[in-house]
Amino acid sequence: MSALAATGSPDPDQEPFDDAMEDEFDGAGGRMSFLDHLDELRRRLVTAVTAIFVGFLVAFAFINPIFEFIMRPLQEILPEGGELVYTEPTEAFFLYIKIAALVGLILAIPVVLLQLWRFVAPGLYGHEKKFAIPFVALASLFFVGGCLFSHYLLFPVAWRFLGGFSTDYMTFMPRIQPAFSLYVRLMLACGVVFQMPTLVFFLARVGAVTASFLTRNTKYAILIIFIIAAVLTPTGDPVTLMLMAGPMMALYALSIFIAWAVAPRRPRISD
């Protein structure tokens, strides 16, 4: 029996669907059909890809300063006299395309995350749907923060380590394509890893996790963090590993505080 039939009034935690939302559901079971889900997914993907393409065009319009911003740290860390090279005619051109695509994704990340939220929103309760703005804002902020962390700290350390094996018999002259692939891999990995507080914010708000649960399982979380850091860091050296694991442990501590701060409060029972 529904809350309305039992009490004569609607459940305060479940907001009624508006007309636009009702149109997305079939009348028989109150659920979106499989084809409706596919159509909704298509519309969200089209919007997300369009936003990324617009970001790509904006980035390509400013590709020279962006290229210099990314490539200067790579060049500065090389041994004296070292330089980046390319061995295929189209390699440098496609590097510009890939850089613009990466920056376009970063510029479009709020729109991409909003489309993700709107895709899962029909399955949420009314009081959960109001977290759209906090979710998009926090996820975008932490994603950009992870990218900046990788650019300014993690990648330079890994790049310096990988370029430190030059001898009288070997000279480090990296190709631009593998170098940029490593740059993108570390940047996207940090962007995803830095979503931990956002994920915990949402899970704690809906009551799926609690601060006490996260605190009790800290030792297991640290073990998992070091395993993830070992998988994500291509060099395997202790310095780069700690640079990846350190922020993750700090984010886990922040997540515990977030879980405590946003946890639903039980109403106090008066005497």
Protein backbone atom coordinates (compact mmCIF):
# COMPACT_ATOMS: atom_id res chain seq x y z
CA MET A 1 0.00 0.00 0.00
CA SER A 2 1.42 3.40 -0.92
CA ALA A 3 2.13 6.12 1.62
CA LEU A 4 -0.73 8.17 0.17
CA ALA A 5 -3.27 5.38 0.57
CA ALA A 6 -2.13 4.57 4.08
CA THR A 7 -1.97 8.06 5.52
CA GLY A 8 -4.13 10.12 3.21
CA SER A 9 -1.21 12.49 2.48
CA PRO A 10 1.82 12.22 0.22
CA ASP A 11 5.17 10.98 1.53
CA PRO A 12 7.16 14.15 2.41
CA ASP A 13 10.41 12.51 1.21
CA GLN A 14 9.07 11.80 -2.27
CA GLU A 15 8.16 14.77 -4.40
CA PRO A 16 5.43 14.17 -6.98
CA PHE A 17 6.56 13.89 -10.57
CA ASP A 18 5.88 16.89 -12.75
CA ASP A 19 4.22 16.58 -16.14
CA ALA A 20 7.50 16.52 -18.04
CA MET A 21 8.81 13.67 -15.90
CA GLU A 22 5.59 11.72 -16.26
CA ASP A 23 5.97 11.84 -20.03
CA GLU A 24 9.22 9.88 -19.71
CA PHE A 25 7.51 7.02 -17.93
CA ASP A 26 5.03 4.55 -19.27
CA GLY A 27 1.58 4.54 -17.75
CA ALA A 28 1.38 0.84 -16.97
CA GLY A 29 4.18 0.29 -14.52
CA GLY A 30 5.45 3.77 -13.76
CA ARG A 31 8.86 2.78 -15.07
CA MET A 32 10.85 3.77 -18.12
CA SER A 33 10.86 1.06 -20.75
CA PHE A 34 14.06 -0.33 -22.24
CA LEU A 35 13.59 1.71 -25.40
CA ASP A 36 12.92 4.82 -23.31
CA HIS A 37 16.23 4.23 -21.51
CA LEU A 38 18.04 3.88 -24.83
CA ASP A 39 16.48 7.05 -26.17
CA GLU A 40 17.33 8.93 -22.98
CA LEU A 41 20.92 7.63 -23.13
CA ARG A 42 21.18 8.71 -26.77
CA ARG A 43 19.98 12.23 -26.01
CA ARG A 44 22.40 12.59 -23.09
CA LEU A 45 25.32 11.26 -25.14
CA VAL A 46 24.54 13.62 -28.02
CA THR A 47 24.47 16.60 -25.65
CA ALA A 48 27.71 15.53 -23.94
CA VAL A 49 29.55 14.90 -27.22
CA THR A 50 28.31 18.24 -28.60
CA ALA A 51 29.67 20.02 -25.51
CA ILE A 52 33.03 18.27 -25.91
CA PHE A 53 33.14 19.23 -29.60
CA VAL A 54 32.43 22.87 -28.77
CA GLY A 55 35.18 22.72 -26.13
CA PHE A 56 37.47 21.19 -28.76
CA LEU A 57 36.80 24.08 -31.15
CA VAL A 58 37.46 26.65 -28.42
CA ALA A 59 40.70 24.88 -27.43
CA PHE A 60 41.85 24.59 -31.04
CA ALA A 61 41.37 28.33 -31.48
CA PHE A 62 43.97 28.84 -28.73
CA ILE A 63 46.07 25.77 -29.51
CA ASN A 64 49.46 27.51 -29.61
CA PRO A 65 49.48 28.83 -26.02
CA ILE A 66 47.88 25.57 -24.82
CA PHE A 67 50.54 23.56 -26.66
CA GLU A 68 53.30 25.61 -25.06
CA PHE A 69 51.68 25.29 -21.61
CA ILE A 70 51.70 21.48 -21.88
CA MET A 71 54.98 20.90 -23.70
CA ARG A 72 57.23 23.36 -21.84
CA PRO A 73 57.46 21.20 -18.68
CA LEU A 74 58.32 18.17 -20.83
CA GLN A 75 61.11 20.07 -22.55
CA GLU A 76 62.51 21.65 -19.37
CA ILE A 77 62.91 18.30 -17.60
CA LEU A 78 64.91 16.75 -20.46
CA PRO A 79 68.70 16.52 -20.05
CA GLU A 80 70.73 19.39 -21.45
CA GLY A 81 70.60 19.23 -25.22
CA GLY A 82 67.67 16.79 -25.21
CA GLU A 83 64.62 17.41 -27.31
CA LEU A 84 61.28 15.87 -28.18
CA VAL A 85 61.11 14.28 -31.61
CA TYR A 86 58.53 12.85 -33.97
CA THR A 87 59.24 10.22 -36.59
CA GLU A 88 56.04 10.13 -38.64
CA PRO A 89 54.78 12.93 -40.92
CA THR A 90 51.35 13.18 -39.27
CA GLU A 91 52.48 12.66 -35.67
CA ALA A 92 52.89 16.35 -34.77
CA PHE A 93 49.61 17.34 -36.44
CA PHE A 94 47.61 14.71 -34.57
CA LEU A 95 49.29 15.80 -31.35
CA TYR A 96 47.63 19.20 -31.77
CA ILE A 97 44.30 17.47 -32.36
CA LYS A 98 44.67 15.31 -29.24
CA ILE A 99 45.67 18.27 -27.08
CA ALA A 100 42.59 20.20 -28.24
CA ALA A 101 40.42 17.14 -27.54
CA LEU A 102 41.82 16.79 -24.01
CA VAL A 103 41.28 20.46 -23.21
CA GLY A 104 37.83 20.29 -24.81
CA LEU A 105 36.89 17.46 -22.45
CA ILE A 106 38.09 19.45 -19.44
CA LEU A 107 36.12 22.52 -20.56
CA ALA A 108 32.99 20.44 -21.13
CA ILE A 109 33.19 18.35 -17.95
CA PRO A 110 30.38 20.27 -16.14
CA VAL A 111 28.01 19.60 -19.05
CA VAL A 112 29.09 15.94 -19.26
CA LEU A 113 28.50 15.43 -15.54
CA LEU A 114 25.14 17.19 -15.72
CA GLN A 115 24.05 14.82 -18.49
CA LEU A 116 25.17 11.87 -16.38
CA TRP A 117 23.10 13.17 -13.48
CA ARG A 118 20.04 13.73 -15.64
CA PHE A 119 20.31 10.20 -17.00
CA VAL A 120 20.17 8.64 -13.51
CA ALA A 121 17.80 11.25 -12.02
CA PRO A 122 14.54 9.46 -13.00
CA GLY A 123 15.54 6.62 -10.66
CA LEU A 124 16.04 8.92 -7.67
CA TYR A 125 13.60 10.14 -5.06
CA GLY A 126 12.45 13.72 -5.17
CA HIS A 127 14.60 14.81 -2.22
CA GLU A 128 17.67 13.26 -3.88
CA LYS A 129 17.25 15.11 -7.18
CA LYS A 130 18.02 18.46 -5.57
CA PHE A 131 21.69 17.43 -5.27
CA ALA A 132 22.27 18.00 -9.00
CA ILE A 133 24.04 21.34 -8.57
CA PRO A 134 26.28 20.21 -5.65
CA PHE A 135 27.16 17.03 -7.56
CA VAL A 136 28.11 18.83 -10.77
CA ALA A 137 29.97 21.62 -8.95
CA LEU A 138 31.97 19.31 -6.68
CA ALA A 139 32.74 16.75 -9.37
CA SER A 140 33.90 19.45 -11.81
CA LEU A 141 36.01 21.16 -9.15
CA PHE A 142 37.74 17.95 -8.06
CA PHE A 143 38.26 16.79 -11.66
CA VAL A 144 40.02 20.02 -12.58
CA GLY A 145 41.95 19.84 -9.29
CA GLY A 146 43.15 16.35 -10.16
CA CYS A 147 44.25 17.50 -13.63
CA LEU A 148 46.21 20.41 -12.13
CA PHE A 149 47.81 18.11 -9.56
CA SER A 150 48.97 15.81 -12.33
CA HIS A 151 50.27 18.64 -14.52
CA TYR A 152 52.21 20.51 -11.86
CA LEU A 153 53.41 17.71 -9.59
CA LEU A 154 52.81 14.08 -10.50
CA PHE A 155 53.73 14.09 -14.18
CA PRO A 156 56.95 16.16 -13.78
CA VAL A 157 58.21 13.75 -11.11
CA ALA A 158 57.38 10.68 -13.23
CA TRP A 159 58.85 12.31 -16.35
CA ARG A 160 62.06 13.24 -14.53
CA PHE A 161 62.40 9.69 -13.23
CA LEU A 162 61.86 8.14 -16.66
CA GLY A 163 64.34 10.53 -18.24
CA GLY A 164 67.04 9.91 -15.66
CA PHE A 165 68.54 6.78 -17.21
CA SER A 166 70.69 8.50 -19.82
CA THR A 167 74.29 7.26 -19.98
CA ASP A 168 77.24 7.62 -22.32
CA TYR A 169 75.57 4.92 -24.40
CA MET A 170 71.98 6.18 -24.29
CA THR A 171 70.42 9.58 -24.84
CA PHE A 172 66.85 10.32 -23.83
CA MET A 173 65.10 11.71 -26.94
CA PRO A 174 61.42 10.78 -26.44
CA ARG A 175 58.82 10.78 -29.19
CA ILE A 176 56.02 13.24 -28.62
CA GLN A 177 53.26 10.64 -29.04
CA PRO A 178 54.27 8.27 -26.16
CA ALA A 179 55.16 11.27 -23.99
CA PHE A 180 51.73 12.84 -24.45
CA SER A 181 50.01 9.47 -23.94
CA LEU A 182 51.69 9.22 -20.53
CA TYR A 183 50.64 12.80 -19.78
CA VAL A 184 46.99 12.07 -20.63
CA ARG A 185 46.96 8.78 -18.72
CA LEU A 186 48.17 10.37 -15.50
CA MET A 187 45.93 13.42 -15.88
CA LEU A 188 42.73 11.45 -16.45
CA ALA A 189 43.65 9.00 -13.68
CA CYS A 190 44.04 11.88 -11.22
CA GLY A 191 40.82 13.46 -12.45
CA VAL A 192 38.92 10.23 -11.74
CA VAL A 193 40.65 9.49 -8.42
CA PHE A 194 39.88 12.99 -7.17
CA GLN A 195 36.14 12.20 -7.48
CA MET A 196 36.28 10.28 -4.18
CA PRO A 197 34.83 13.13 -2.05
CA THR A 198 32.04 13.71 -4.57
CA LEU A 199 31.10 10.03 -4.59
CA VAL A 200 31.13 9.87 -0.79
CA PHE A 201 29.08 13.08 -0.60
CA PHE A 202 26.28 11.52 -2.63
CA LEU A 203 26.44 8.09 -0.97
CA ALA A 204 26.45 9.61 2.50
CA ARG A 205 23.57 11.93 1.67
CA VAL A 206 21.36 9.03 0.62
CA GLY A 207 22.48 6.97 3.63
CA ALA A 208 24.55 4.36 1.75
CA VAL A 209 27.74 5.05 3.73
CA THR A 210 28.49 6.74 7.04
CA ALA A 211 31.51 8.43 8.57
CA SER A 212 31.80 5.68 11.18
CA PHE A 213 31.83 3.02 8.45
CA LEU A 214 34.63 4.82 6.59
CA THR A 215 36.59 5.31 9.80
CA ARG A 216 36.33 1.63 10.80
CA ASN A 217 37.58 0.53 7.40
CA THR A 218 40.46 2.99 7.10
CA LYS A 219 43.15 0.28 7.12
CA TYR A 220 41.48 -1.53 4.23
CA ALA A 221 41.04 1.75 2.38
CA ILE A 222 44.77 2.51 2.72
CA LEU A 223 45.61 -0.91 1.29
CA ILE A 224 43.26 -0.39 -1.65
CA ILE A 225 44.65 3.12 -2.20
CA PHE A 226 48.22 1.82 -2.51
CA ILE A 227 47.08 -0.92 -4.89
CA ILE A 228 45.30 1.63 -7.08
CA ALA A 229 48.31 3.96 -6.94
CA ALA A 230 50.62 1.11 -7.98
CA VAL A 231 48.38 0.32 -10.95
CA LEU A 232 48.03 3.94 -12.06
CA THR A 233 51.68 4.98 -11.74
CA PRO A 234 53.67 3.76 -14.74
CA THR A 235 57.11 4.19 -13.18
CA GLY A 236 56.67 2.10 -10.02
CA ASP A 237 59.24 4.14 -8.09
CA PRO A 238 58.46 4.93 -4.43
CA VAL A 239 58.40 8.71 -4.93
CA THR A 240 55.80 8.67 -7.71
CA LEU A 241 53.81 6.00 -5.86
CA MET A 242 53.65 8.14 -2.72
CA LEU A 243 52.75 11.22 -4.77
CA MET A 244 49.72 9.32 -6.07
CA ALA A 245 48.80 7.59 -2.81
CA GLY A 246 49.31 10.65 -0.56
CA PRO A 247 46.55 12.80 -2.06
CA MET A 248 44.25 9.78 -2.19
CA MET A 249 44.66 9.25 1.56
CA ALA A 250 44.06 12.97 2.14
CA LEU A 251 40.92 12.75 0.00
CA TYR A 252 39.78 9.74 2.00
CA ALA A 253 40.16 11.73 5.22
CA LEU A 254 38.22 14.59 3.61
CA SER A 255 35.57 12.09 2.55
CA ILE A 256 35.12 10.96 6.16
CA PHE A 257 34.49 14.57 7.20
CA ILE A 258 32.09 15.06 4.27
CA ALA A 259 30.19 11.89 5.20
CA TRP A 260 29.81 13.16 8.75
CA ALA A 261 28.79 16.67 7.66
CA VAL A 262 26.13 15.72 5.10
CA ALA A 263 24.69 12.60 6.74
CA PRO A 264 20.90 12.81 7.18
CA ARG A 265 20.07 13.85 10.75
CA ARG A 266 17.45 11.84 12.60
CA PRO A 267 14.75 14.02 14.16
CA ARG A 268 15.10 14.36 17.91
CA ILE A 269 12.30 12.70 19.83
CA SER A 270 10.86 15.07 22.42
CA ASP A 271 9.91 13.79 25.83
